[in-house]
Amino acid sequence: MVDSSSRGHRLMPARTSEQIREWCDRSAVPGERRELSDTAALLIASGYLTPGGRAIVVRRISTGRPMPSMSSGFGDLRRMQRAIVQIEHQLSSPVVPGVVGAVMRNRLNGLQRRREDARKQLVAAKGVFASGTRAIRRERRENVYLEIEERDRLFAGLLCTPTPNVNTSSYVRRAGTAAFDRIAGVVGQVAAKSGNSQAGQWADQFLSGVREAPGGASQAGAPRAAAFVDGYETLLFITGHYYDRILGNPAWRSDHFEVQRTQVNLHAEVAEIAADVIALRAVRIDLDRAKRNGGFDRTFAAQIDQRETTLRPVWSELIDRVQALGEVAHVVESAAVELQVLAEYNKAATLDDRIDALIARSGDREISVDNAKRLTEQVRSGEEQLRIYRDVLQGNIARISPAVPRELPARYEPS
């Protein structure tokens, strides 16, 4: 480990599998978390694709080919989808007053238009995917062309991008409040003239979130944890978070870890973990539905419980794979500190050479010998530490992928 006491850096220890399991059980990750990068979101969304389509997404990202993106990020796409589902659920109530229903339908139509525009932008992806006949044939020969059907699936997966606090932040708030302040005033006037107090109550319920602080934060400050819909989404976010930490660290791209980069394809690992988590979640939903519909039969319920028990090791295995990814992120960040120290040593070596030149001109060449020896020992110590990091990283990489490939059902999901 890095001698943090002597170098002024103190890195938090890597999270254990038990801690990650606890986060998934609570569907929350402590601390403020930034949203996933576009690349991480695309890899996680590729878990909804067929194996062939997922391989093409991984291949395009691995070879540096362009992929679709959104200026506002795919987290904003998730918030938009949540707002649409929320309004559709509210409109399904038979007691929604007509005035409020008209406002909500108008808002729903606007959101659906935006979603369709985003879908066309991602599926068409001009300048990203080949469009001409010859270009399409060439990409198909190179096995990097993503078919239209797969792009539609990718968009559907991006609508489910793991996003922190998506249930506490309002897409309406992000869209601006001026128009909704006017709408609230109109609804209030109509409710007062008609004597229909329920319309005003529904308007308050629908528009109350507009005046809250952005991101669901209270006036005292931002939320202290990143909350998610369930444990599966939590694990997907943690996977993408670790991926971003590794790929965003200059140490991972340095020459010191060139061999390790060739031994693991992090893009493929993230995509496969996402596919397994999504499949496990789908199976769990199907099991719950089957038990709910046929649980009155004890024999059938016992069979469902037995199948559910067989899935628990799979969930534990996924947590261990994500934890191994977190170990890689931790080792790379520790190595980054060591590389920074070595860079300072190199600067000191250059300075020492300049001092030696000055001393040589004055006829004294022995003053800096001790400094040079001490500096050499420090550099050797730093290089030895990096060799240790490479050995540790080797073991963590081996843990990311399961030793025996597991064939999962067509649909699959934990609790």
Protein backbone atom coordinates (compact mmCIF):
# COMPACT_ATOMS: atom_id res chain seq x y z
CA MET A 1 0.00 0.00 0.00
CA VAL A 2 1.01 3.63 -0.42
CA ASP A 3 2.67 5.20 2.58
CA SER A 4 -0.01 7.83 2.91
CA SER A 5 1.35 9.20 6.20
CA SER A 6 4.62 10.26 4.62
CA ARG A 7 3.22 11.54 1.34
CA GLY A 8 0.15 13.42 2.47
CA HIS A 9 -2.37 11.17 0.71
CA ARG A 10 -4.89 8.95 2.48
CA LEU A 11 -6.96 6.72 0.24
CA MET A 12 -10.08 5.06 1.52
CA PRO A 13 -9.83 1.25 1.54
CA ALA A 14 -11.61 -0.61 -1.24
CA ARG A 15 -15.22 -1.49 -0.51
CA THR A 16 -15.93 -5.07 0.48
CA SER A 17 -18.59 -7.34 -1.00
CA GLU A 18 -20.54 -7.03 2.25
CA GLN A 19 -20.63 -3.24 1.94
CA ILE A 20 -21.79 -3.41 -1.67
CA ARG A 21 -24.46 -5.93 -0.70
CA GLU A 22 -25.64 -3.56 2.05
CA TRP A 23 -25.86 -0.69 -0.44
CA CYS A 24 -27.94 -2.85 -2.77
CA ASP A 25 -30.22 -3.91 0.08
CA ARG A 26 -30.80 -0.25 0.95
CA SER A 27 -30.91 0.82 -2.74
CA ALA A 28 -28.62 3.70 -1.86
CA VAL A 29 -24.91 4.56 -2.10
CA PRO A 30 -23.55 6.90 0.59
CA GLY A 31 -22.21 10.28 -0.45
CA GLU A 32 -22.83 12.46 -3.45
CA ARG A 33 -22.27 10.66 -6.74
CA ARG A 34 -21.93 12.19 -10.15
CA GLU A 35 -23.93 10.69 -12.97
CA LEU A 36 -22.42 8.03 -15.18
CA SER A 37 -20.46 8.98 -18.26
CA ASP A 38 -22.06 8.47 -21.66
CA THR A 39 -19.78 5.50 -22.34
CA ALA A 40 -20.67 3.79 -19.06
CA ALA A 41 -24.38 4.41 -19.69
CA LEU A 42 -24.10 2.92 -23.18
CA LEU A 43 -22.31 -0.18 -21.92
CA ILE A 44 -24.92 -0.75 -19.22
CA ALA A 45 -27.74 -0.17 -21.73
CA SER A 46 -26.11 -2.74 -24.01
CA GLY A 47 -27.19 -5.32 -21.45
CA TYR A 48 -30.67 -5.05 -22.99
CA LEU A 49 -29.36 -6.00 -26.43
CA THR A 50 -28.92 -9.41 -27.98
CA PRO A 51 -25.46 -10.96 -27.44
CA GLY A 52 -24.50 -10.05 -31.01
CA GLY A 53 -25.64 -6.45 -30.66
CA ARG A 54 -23.90 -6.13 -27.29
CA ALA A 55 -20.65 -7.43 -28.81
CA ILE A 56 -20.85 -4.80 -31.54
CA VAL A 57 -21.33 -1.99 -28.99
CA VAL A 58 -18.32 -3.25 -27.04
CA ARG A 59 -16.26 -3.57 -30.22
CA ARG A 60 -17.08 -0.02 -31.33
CA ILE A 61 -16.17 1.43 -27.95
CA SER A 62 -13.02 -0.69 -27.67
CA THR A 63 -11.78 0.45 -31.07
CA GLY A 64 -12.63 4.10 -30.47
CA ARG A 65 -15.44 4.32 -33.01
CA PRO A 66 -18.09 6.99 -32.39
CA MET A 67 -21.21 6.21 -30.39
CA PRO A 68 -24.41 8.24 -29.90
CA SER A 69 -24.48 10.85 -27.16
CA MET A 70 -26.74 13.55 -25.74
CA SER A 71 -25.63 17.04 -24.82
CA SER A 72 -27.58 16.86 -21.55
CA GLY A 73 -26.42 13.33 -20.73
CA PHE A 74 -28.37 10.09 -20.61
CA GLY A 75 -29.34 10.74 -17.00
CA ASP A 76 -31.61 13.50 -18.27
CA LEU A 77 -33.20 10.95 -20.60
CA ARG A 78 -33.96 8.76 -17.57
CA ARG A 79 -35.55 11.69 -15.73
CA MET A 80 -37.67 12.46 -18.77
CA GLN A 81 -38.90 8.88 -18.93
CA ARG A 82 -39.72 8.92 -15.23
CA ALA A 83 -41.74 12.14 -15.65
CA ILE A 84 -43.70 10.55 -18.52
CA VAL A 85 -44.49 7.43 -16.48
CA GLN A 86 -45.45 9.53 -13.48
CA ILE A 87 -47.86 11.72 -15.43
CA GLU A 88 -49.36 8.70 -17.22
CA HIS A 89 -49.98 7.08 -13.85
CA GLN A 90 -51.65 10.22 -12.51
CA LEU A 91 -53.83 10.55 -15.60
CA SER A 92 -55.02 6.96 -15.16
CA SER A 93 -56.88 8.03 -12.03
CA PRO A 94 -60.60 8.45 -12.78
CA VAL A 95 -60.96 11.33 -10.30
CA VAL A 96 -58.54 13.76 -11.98
CA PRO A 97 -60.39 17.09 -12.48
CA GLY A 98 -60.80 18.07 -16.12
CA VAL A 99 -58.84 21.32 -15.83
CA VAL A 100 -55.83 19.63 -14.22
CA GLY A 101 -56.10 16.71 -16.66
CA ALA A 102 -55.81 19.10 -19.59
CA VAL A 103 -52.67 20.66 -18.11
CA MET A 104 -51.14 17.25 -17.44
CA ARG A 105 -51.96 15.92 -20.92
CA ASN A 106 -50.40 19.00 -22.49
CA ARG A 107 -47.27 18.44 -20.45
CA LEU A 108 -47.28 14.72 -21.29
CA ASN A 109 -47.51 15.44 -25.03
CA GLY A 110 -44.54 17.78 -24.79
CA LEU A 111 -42.43 15.21 -22.96
CA GLN A 112 -43.36 12.46 -25.39
CA ARG A 113 -42.34 14.67 -28.32
CA ARG A 114 -38.98 15.29 -26.66
CA ARG A 115 -38.51 11.59 -26.06
CA GLU A 116 -39.32 10.80 -29.68
CA ASP A 117 -36.86 13.47 -30.84
CA ALA A 118 -34.20 11.90 -28.64
CA ARG A 119 -35.01 8.45 -30.04
CA LYS A 120 -34.64 9.68 -33.63
CA GLN A 121 -31.37 11.38 -32.73
CA LEU A 122 -29.93 8.22 -31.21
CA VAL A 123 -31.30 5.70 -33.71
CA ALA A 124 -30.47 7.74 -36.81
CA ALA A 125 -27.20 8.97 -35.27
CA LYS A 126 -26.00 10.86 -38.33
CA GLY A 127 -22.23 10.93 -38.45
CA VAL A 128 -22.01 8.03 -36.00
CA PHE A 129 -23.25 4.95 -37.85
CA ALA A 130 -22.75 4.32 -41.55
CA SER A 131 -25.61 5.56 -43.73
CA GLY A 132 -24.56 4.91 -47.33
CA THR A 133 -24.89 1.47 -48.89
CA ARG A 134 -21.15 0.95 -49.36
CA ALA A 135 -20.34 2.27 -45.89
CA ILE A 136 -22.93 -0.04 -44.32
CA ARG A 137 -21.50 -3.04 -46.16
CA ARG A 138 -18.01 -2.14 -45.05
CA GLU A 139 -19.05 -1.84 -41.37
CA ARG A 140 -20.94 -5.12 -41.61
CA ARG A 141 -17.84 -6.83 -42.96
CA GLU A 142 -15.88 -5.38 -40.04
CA ASN A 143 -18.68 -6.49 -37.70
CA VAL A 144 -19.13 -3.02 -36.20
CA TYR A 145 -22.47 -2.05 -37.74
CA LEU A 146 -25.31 -1.81 -35.21
CA GLU A 147 -28.62 -2.63 -36.87
CA ILE A 148 -31.67 -0.38 -36.48
CA GLU A 149 -33.48 -2.91 -34.27
CA GLU A 150 -30.51 -3.04 -31.90
CA ARG A 151 -30.37 0.75 -31.76
CA ASP A 152 -34.02 0.80 -30.72
CA ARG A 153 -33.22 -1.67 -27.95
CA LEU A 154 -30.24 0.46 -26.95
CA PHE A 155 -32.47 3.52 -26.67
CA ALA A 156 -34.94 1.56 -24.54
CA GLY A 157 -32.04 0.57 -22.30
CA LEU A 158 -30.85 4.18 -22.04
CA LEU A 159 -34.31 5.13 -20.78
CA CYS A 160 -33.40 2.98 -17.76
CA THR A 161 -29.94 4.51 -17.20
CA PRO A 162 -29.05 4.17 -13.49
CA THR A 163 -29.33 7.74 -12.23
CA PRO A 164 -28.87 8.93 -8.63
CA ASN A 165 -31.96 10.26 -6.86
CA VAL A 166 -34.18 9.93 -9.93
CA ASN A 167 -37.19 9.53 -7.63
CA THR A 168 -36.44 12.72 -5.69
CA SER A 169 -35.62 15.04 -8.59
CA SER A 170 -38.18 16.44 -10.96
CA TYR A 171 -37.73 16.77 -14.69
CA VAL A 172 -40.39 19.51 -14.51
CA ARG A 173 -38.14 21.56 -12.24
CA ARG A 174 -35.21 21.23 -14.63
CA ALA A 175 -37.39 22.42 -17.49
CA GLY A 176 -38.05 25.76 -15.75
CA THR A 177 -40.76 27.12 -13.48
CA ALA A 178 -42.07 30.30 -15.15
CA ALA A 179 -44.53 28.53 -17.47
CA PHE A 180 -45.81 26.34 -14.65
CA ASP A 181 -46.29 29.32 -12.35
CA ARG A 182 -48.61 30.77 -15.01
CA ILE A 183 -50.41 27.42 -15.41
CA ALA A 184 -50.88 27.18 -11.65
CA GLY A 185 -52.39 30.65 -11.64
CA VAL A 186 -54.83 29.79 -14.44
CA VAL A 187 -55.89 26.57 -12.72
CA GLY A 188 -56.38 28.45 -9.47
CA GLN A 189 -58.60 31.04 -11.13
CA VAL A 190 -60.74 28.39 -12.81
CA ALA A 191 -61.06 26.46 -9.57
CA ALA A 192 -62.12 29.57 -7.68
CA LYS A 193 -64.77 30.53 -10.26
CA SER A 194 -66.18 27.02 -10.47
CA GLY A 195 -66.05 26.36 -6.76
CA ASN A 196 -64.20 23.11 -7.46
CA SER A 197 -61.62 22.96 -4.67
CA GLN A 198 -60.45 19.52 -5.81
CA ALA A 199 -59.04 21.04 -8.99
CA GLY A 200 -56.89 23.35 -6.93
CA GLN A 201 -55.72 20.46 -4.75
CA TRP A 202 -54.75 18.40 -7.79
CA ALA A 203 -52.92 21.40 -9.23
CA ASP A 204 -50.98 21.80 -5.99
CA GLN A 205 -50.10 18.09 -6.00
CA PHE A 206 -48.92 18.11 -9.61
CA LEU A 207 -47.02 21.39 -9.47
CA SER A 208 -45.73 21.31 -5.90
CA GLY A 209 -42.37 19.84 -6.93
CA VAL A 210 -41.67 22.77 -9.28
CA ARG A 211 -40.79 25.18 -6.48
CA GLU A 212 -38.55 22.76 -4.58
CA ALA A 213 -34.80 22.95 -4.69
CA PRO A 214 -33.17 21.30 -7.72
CA GLY A 215 -32.18 17.66 -7.44
CA GLY A 216 -34.49 16.99 -4.52
CA ALA A 217 -32.06 18.71 -2.16
CA SER A 218 -33.36 20.47 0.88
CA GLN A 219 -32.42 24.02 1.71
CA ALA A 220 -29.92 22.71 4.26
CA GLY A 221 -27.88 21.08 1.50
CA ALA A 222 -27.65 18.29 -1.05
CA PRO A 223 -28.76 14.74 -0.31
CA ARG A 224 -26.22 12.72 1.62
CA ALA A 225 -26.78 9.55 -0.40
CA ALA A 226 -27.50 8.55 -3.98
CA ALA A 227 -30.81 6.66 -3.92
CA PHE A 228 -31.99 4.24 -6.61
CA VAL A 229 -35.13 2.34 -7.53
CA ASP A 230 -33.94 -1.08 -6.34
CA GLY A 231 -30.86 -3.15 -5.58
CA TYR A 232 -30.35 -4.13 -9.20
CA GLU A 233 -30.16 -0.55 -10.40
CA THR A 234 -27.84 0.20 -7.47
CA LEU A 235 -25.44 -2.56 -8.54
CA LEU A 236 -25.54 -1.34 -12.15
CA PHE A 237 -24.68 2.18 -11.04
CA ILE A 238 -21.81 0.96 -8.85
CA THR A 239 -20.46 -1.00 -11.82
CA GLY A 240 -20.54 2.07 -14.08
CA HIS A 241 -19.09 4.23 -11.29
CA TYR A 242 -16.05 1.97 -10.87
CA TYR A 243 -15.64 1.80 -14.65
CA ASP A 244 -15.53 5.60 -14.86
CA ARG A 245 -13.00 5.78 -12.02
CA ILE A 246 -10.67 3.33 -13.77
CA LEU A 247 -10.92 4.74 -17.28
CA GLY A 248 -10.70 8.32 -16.04
CA ASN A 249 -7.46 7.71 -14.17
CA PRO A 250 -4.24 8.56 -16.08
CA ALA A 251 -2.40 5.75 -14.26
CA TRP A 252 -4.53 3.12 -16.02
CA ARG A 253 -3.44 4.53 -19.39
CA SER A 254 0.22 4.73 -18.39
CA ASP A 255 2.95 2.41 -19.62
CA HIS A 256 3.15 0.77 -16.19
CA PHE A 257 -0.17 -1.05 -16.75
CA GLU A 258 0.16 -1.75 -20.45
CA VAL A 259 0.22 -5.51 -19.87
CA GLN A 260 -2.82 -5.39 -17.58
CA ARG A 261 -4.82 -3.40 -20.15
CA THR A 262 -4.25 -6.18 -22.66
CA GLN A 263 -5.40 -8.86 -20.22
CA VAL A 264 -8.89 -7.52 -19.62
CA ASN A 265 -11.44 -5.66 -21.72
CA LEU A 266 -13.17 -3.47 -19.16
CA HIS A 267 -15.81 -2.45 -21.71
CA ALA A 268 -16.80 -6.06 -22.26
CA GLU A 269 -16.75 -6.85 -18.53
CA VAL A 270 -19.12 -3.98 -17.72
CA ALA A 271 -21.46 -4.96 -20.56
CA GLU A 272 -21.53 -8.61 -19.42
CA ILE A 273 -22.12 -7.71 -15.78
CA ALA A 274 -24.98 -5.44 -16.88
CA ALA A 275 -26.50 -8.19 -19.02
CA ASP A 276 -26.40 -10.66 -16.12
CA VAL A 277 -27.90 -8.18 -13.64
CA ILE A 278 -30.69 -7.26 -16.07
CA ALA A 279 -31.39 -10.92 -16.80
CA LEU A 280 -31.43 -11.78 -13.10
CA ARG A 281 -33.85 -8.95 -12.41
CA ALA A 282 -36.21 -10.12 -15.15
CA VAL A 283 -36.22 -13.70 -13.80
CA ARG A 284 -36.89 -12.46 -10.29
CA ILE A 285 -39.86 -10.40 -11.52
CA ASP A 286 -41.24 -13.43 -13.35
CA LEU A 287 -40.83 -15.58 -10.23
CA ASP A 288 -42.61 -13.02 -8.08
CA ARG A 289 -45.44 -12.78 -10.60
CA ALA A 290 -45.78 -16.56 -10.81
CA LYS A 291 -45.84 -16.87 -7.03
CA ARG A 292 -48.40 -14.10 -6.74
CA ASN A 293 -50.69 -15.71 -9.31
CA GLY A 294 -50.26 -19.36 -8.31
CA GLY A 295 -49.02 -19.22 -4.75
CA PHE A 296 -52.23 -20.73 -3.44
CA ASP A 297 -50.89 -24.11 -4.59
CA ARG A 298 -48.35 -25.19 -1.97
CA THR A 299 -46.48 -27.50 -4.30
CA PHE A 300 -46.16 -24.79 -6.93
CA ALA A 301 -45.10 -22.23 -4.32
CA ALA A 302 -42.43 -24.62 -3.01
CA GLN A 303 -41.05 -25.04 -6.52
CA ILE A 304 -40.88 -21.26 -6.93
CA ASP A 305 -39.05 -20.93 -3.61
CA GLN A 306 -36.57 -23.60 -4.67
CA ARG A 307 -35.86 -21.82 -7.96
CA GLU A 308 -35.42 -18.56 -6.11
CA THR A 309 -32.90 -20.21 -3.80
CA THR A 310 -30.83 -21.38 -6.76
CA LEU A 311 -30.52 -17.76 -7.93
CA ARG A 312 -28.95 -16.47 -4.72
CA PRO A 313 -25.42 -17.67 -5.55
CA VAL A 314 -25.69 -15.85 -8.88
CA TRP A 315 -26.45 -12.58 -7.08
CA SER A 316 -23.50 -13.12 -4.74
CA GLU A 317 -21.26 -13.85 -7.71
CA LEU A 318 -22.29 -10.61 -9.41
CA ILE A 319 -21.55 -8.64 -6.25
CA ASP A 320 -18.10 -10.25 -6.05
CA ARG A 321 -17.39 -9.38 -9.70
CA VAL A 322 -18.36 -5.75 -9.11
CA GLN A 323 -16.26 -5.69 -5.92
CA ALA A 324 -13.28 -6.96 -7.91
CA LEU A 325 -13.85 -4.10 -10.34
CA GLY A 326 -13.81 -1.76 -7.34
CA GLU A 327 -10.51 -3.28 -6.21
CA VAL A 328 -9.04 -2.51 -9.62
CA ALA A 329 -10.21 1.10 -9.30
CA HIS A 330 -8.66 1.33 -5.83
CA VAL A 331 -5.30 -0.13 -6.94
CA VAL A 332 -5.16 2.16 -9.97
CA GLU A 333 -5.88 5.21 -7.82
CA SER A 334 -3.18 4.13 -5.34
CA ALA A 335 -0.76 3.68 -8.23
CA ALA A 336 -1.64 7.17 -9.48
CA VAL A 337 -0.39 8.57 -6.16
CA GLU A 338 2.82 6.58 -6.54
CA LEU A 339 3.30 7.82 -10.10
CA GLN A 340 2.84 11.39 -8.92
CA VAL A 341 5.54 10.87 -6.31
CA LEU A 342 7.87 9.36 -8.93
CA ALA A 343 7.23 12.37 -11.16
CA GLU A 344 8.34 14.62 -8.30
CA TYR A 345 11.44 12.47 -7.86
CA ASN A 346 12.23 12.85 -11.54
CA LYS A 347 11.95 16.61 -11.21
CA ALA A 348 14.26 16.44 -8.21
CA ALA A 349 16.71 14.37 -10.27
CA THR A 350 16.74 17.04 -12.96
CA LEU A 351 17.33 19.70 -10.33
CA ASP A 352 20.12 17.61 -8.85
CA ASP A 353 21.84 17.42 -12.24
CA ARG A 354 21.73 21.20 -12.49
CA ILE A 355 23.21 21.50 -9.02
CA ASP A 356 25.94 19.02 -9.94
CA ALA A 357 26.83 21.11 -12.97
CA LEU A 358 27.21 24.20 -10.84
CA ILE A 359 29.27 22.37 -8.25
CA ALA A 360 31.47 20.83 -10.95
CA ARG A 361 32.36 24.28 -12.20
CA SER A 362 33.41 25.24 -8.70
CA GLY A 363 35.63 22.13 -8.41
CA ASP A 364 33.55 20.29 -5.78
CA ARG A 365 31.80 17.19 -7.03
CA GLU A 366 31.19 15.26 -3.80
CA ILE A 367 28.60 17.35 -1.98
CA SER A 368 25.53 15.93 -3.76
CA VAL A 369 26.62 12.26 -3.74
CA ASP A 370 24.48 11.43 -0.69
CA ASN A 371 21.49 13.19 -2.20
CA ALA A 372 21.91 11.27 -5.44
CA LYS A 373 22.12 7.95 -3.59
CA ARG A 374 19.07 8.75 -1.49
CA LEU A 375 17.13 9.82 -4.57
CA THR A 376 18.05 6.58 -6.36
CA GLU A 377 16.81 4.54 -3.41
CA GLN A 378 13.52 6.48 -3.38
CA VAL A 379 12.97 5.93 -7.09
CA ARG A 380 13.73 2.23 -6.74
CA SER A 381 11.27 2.06 -3.84
CA GLY A 382 8.57 3.72 -5.98
CA GLU A 383 9.21 1.34 -8.87
CA GLU A 384 9.03 -1.65 -6.50
CA GLN A 385 5.71 -0.32 -5.18
CA LEU A 386 4.37 -0.14 -8.74
CA ARG A 387 5.43 -3.75 -9.31
CA ILE A 388 3.39 -4.69 -6.24
CA TYR A 389 0.40 -2.78 -7.64
CA ARG A 390 0.73 -4.67 -10.92
CA ASP A 391 0.72 -8.01 -9.08
CA VAL A 392 -2.36 -7.04 -7.04
CA LEU A 393 -4.10 -5.77 -10.14
CA GLN A 394 -3.40 -9.08 -11.86
CA GLY A 395 -5.35 -10.92 -9.16
CA ASN A 396 -8.25 -8.44 -9.22
CA ILE A 397 -8.59 -8.72 -12.98
CA ALA A 398 -8.86 -12.49 -12.69
CA ARG A 399 -11.79 -12.06 -10.27
CA ILE A 400 -13.87 -9.79 -12.49
CA SER A 401 -14.89 -12.53 -14.90
CA PRO A 402 -16.35 -15.76 -13.51
CA ALA A 403 -14.03 -18.75 -13.76
CA VAL A 404 -16.76 -20.83 -15.38
CA PRO A 405 -19.03 -18.97 -17.82
CA ARG A 406 -22.56 -19.15 -16.51
CA GLU A 407 -25.41 -19.68 -18.93
CA LEU A 408 -28.26 -17.50 -17.75
CA PRO A 409 -31.89 -17.82 -18.81
CA ALA A 410 -33.22 -15.63 -21.57
CA ARG A 411 -34.75 -13.35 -18.93
CA TYR A 412 -33.21 -12.69 -15.54
CA GLU A 413 -33.04 -10.24 -11.69
CA PRO A 414 -32.01 -9.71 -7.10
CA SER A 415 -34.02 -8.42 -4.15
